[in-house]
Amino acid sequence: MMILSKRYVVTDSDNFTFGKFPEVTGEIHAIKKRLTHKPPYHKCEMVIGYLKDHSLKMRWIELNPDIAAVLTAGELHSGNIEALFEACKTNRPFRAAYEGYIKQILLDIN
C-alpha cells in the first residue's frame, strides 16, 4: 500500500503553527505510540535526526538500538513529517518551532 504525502511550501516569513499540519501531527502521534515502550535515551534526538536528515549518531544507536531499529526498518509512515522538514530547511525559526513541537508530543509536554 502506498501512502501519499502532501507537498508543503514554507516561505522565509512563515511561522510554524501545528494546526495547519494535521497529517504531520497524526504521523507524530503514531510514531510516539510505536515508541511508547522503548527506552527513552535520546528518543527525541533520534526521531528528529532520522526524519529530518535520515541520520543517527553512532552514540545514539549504541545507547538505544531499539529505537534505531524501529526508525530504520522503513515501517513508519512519516512522509508528511519528512516533507515538512524538507520544506522548512531554509527557515530556521520555523524548523526550531517544528522540532520543539515534535519533542513536546514525544515527551508528553502539554
Protein backbone atom coordinates (compact mmCIF):
# COMPACT_ATOMS: atom_id res chain seq x y z
CA MET A 1 0.00 0.00 0.00
CA MET A 2 1.42 3.36 -1.00
CA ILE A 3 0.90 6.26 1.39
CA LEU A 4 0.81 9.63 -0.34
CA SER A 5 2.26 12.66 1.38
CA LYS A 6 1.41 16.28 0.87
CA ARG A 7 3.82 18.72 -0.65
CA TYR A 8 4.48 21.68 1.63
CA VAL A 9 5.70 25.17 0.83
CA VAL A 10 7.29 27.14 3.64
CA THR A 11 8.49 30.66 2.92
CA ASP A 12 11.14 32.52 4.91
CA SER A 13 8.44 34.57 6.65
CA ASP A 14 6.23 31.64 7.71
CA ASN A 15 5.84 30.63 11.35
CA PHE A 16 5.12 27.09 12.48
CA THR A 17 1.54 26.55 13.68
CA PHE A 18 0.71 22.91 14.36
CA GLY A 19 -2.97 23.35 13.49
CA LYS A 20 -2.03 23.88 9.85
CA PHE A 21 -0.49 20.42 9.61
CA PRO A 22 -2.93 17.77 10.88
CA GLU A 23 -1.36 14.98 8.79
CA VAL A 24 2.03 15.72 10.34
CA THR A 25 0.51 15.70 13.82
CA GLY A 26 -1.13 12.35 13.14
CA GLU A 27 2.15 10.83 11.99
CA ILE A 28 4.00 12.14 15.06
CA HIS A 29 1.38 10.63 17.37
CA ALA A 30 1.60 7.29 15.53
CA ILE A 31 5.39 7.27 15.93
CA LYS A 32 5.05 8.16 19.60
CA LYS A 33 2.67 5.24 20.07
CA ARG A 34 5.07 2.89 18.29
CA LEU A 35 7.94 4.01 20.56
CA THR A 36 5.96 4.02 23.83
CA HIS A 37 7.68 1.04 25.41
CA LYS A 38 11.14 1.76 24.05
CA PRO A 39 13.94 3.16 26.26
CA PRO A 40 13.91 6.97 26.47
CA TYR A 41 17.62 7.56 25.83
CA HIS A 42 17.96 10.20 23.10
CA LYS A 43 14.47 9.36 21.80
CA CYS A 44 13.66 12.89 20.62
CA GLU A 45 17.06 13.49 19.07
CA MET A 46 16.91 10.17 17.26
CA VAL A 47 13.40 10.69 15.88
CA ILE A 48 14.09 14.24 14.74
CA GLY A 49 17.55 13.43 13.36
CA TYR A 50 16.31 10.48 11.39
CA LEU A 51 13.18 12.11 10.00
CA LYS A 52 14.98 15.35 9.16
CA ASP A 53 18.20 14.00 7.62
CA HIS A 54 17.97 10.19 7.73
CA SER A 55 20.93 10.25 10.07
CA LEU A 56 21.61 8.88 13.53
CA LYS A 57 24.73 9.42 15.63
CA MET A 58 26.56 6.22 16.44
CA ARG A 59 26.41 7.05 20.15
CA TRP A 60 22.60 7.22 19.99
CA ILE A 61 22.43 3.88 18.22
CA GLU A 62 24.70 2.31 20.84
CA LEU A 63 22.59 3.71 23.70
CA ASN A 64 19.21 2.97 22.14
CA PRO A 65 19.37 0.25 19.48
CA ASP A 66 15.63 -0.46 19.87
CA ILE A 67 14.60 2.98 18.62
CA ALA A 68 17.26 2.90 15.90
CA ALA A 69 15.81 -0.40 14.67
CA VAL A 70 12.26 0.98 14.54
CA LEU A 71 13.33 4.16 12.74
CA THR A 72 15.42 2.40 10.11
CA ALA A 73 13.07 -0.52 9.43
CA GLY A 74 11.08 1.51 6.91
CA GLU A 75 7.76 0.67 8.55
CA LEU A 76 6.86 4.10 9.93
CA HIS A 77 4.59 6.37 7.95
CA SER A 78 6.49 9.64 8.09
CA GLY A 79 6.19 11.13 4.62
CA ASN A 80 4.40 14.27 5.77
CA ILE A 81 6.86 14.85 8.62
CA GLU A 82 9.77 14.47 6.23
CA ALA A 83 8.15 16.64 3.55
CA LEU A 84 7.64 19.45 6.06
CA PHE A 85 11.28 19.17 7.20
CA GLU A 86 12.35 19.45 3.57
CA ALA A 87 10.11 22.48 3.01
CA CYS A 88 11.36 24.39 6.05
CA LYS A 89 15.09 23.75 5.79
CA THR A 90 15.85 27.41 4.98
CA ASN A 91 13.51 28.84 7.64
CA ARG A 92 15.38 28.21 10.91
CA PRO A 93 12.77 29.68 13.28
CA PHE A 94 10.04 27.57 11.66
CA ARG A 95 12.22 24.46 11.85
CA ALA A 96 13.12 25.10 15.51
CA ALA A 97 9.45 25.51 16.45
CA TYR A 98 8.57 22.38 14.45
CA GLU A 99 11.26 20.36 16.20
CA GLY A 100 10.04 21.72 19.55
CA TYR A 101 6.52 20.57 18.71
CA ILE A 102 7.76 17.07 17.90
CA LYS A 103 9.64 16.96 21.22
CA GLN A 104 6.56 18.19 23.04
CA ILE A 105 4.48 15.33 21.66
CA LEU A 106 7.14 12.67 22.20
CA LEU A 107 7.72 13.80 25.80
CA ASP A 108 4.03 14.37 26.64
CA ILE A 109 4.53 18.05 27.44
CA ASN A 110 1.27 20.00 27.35
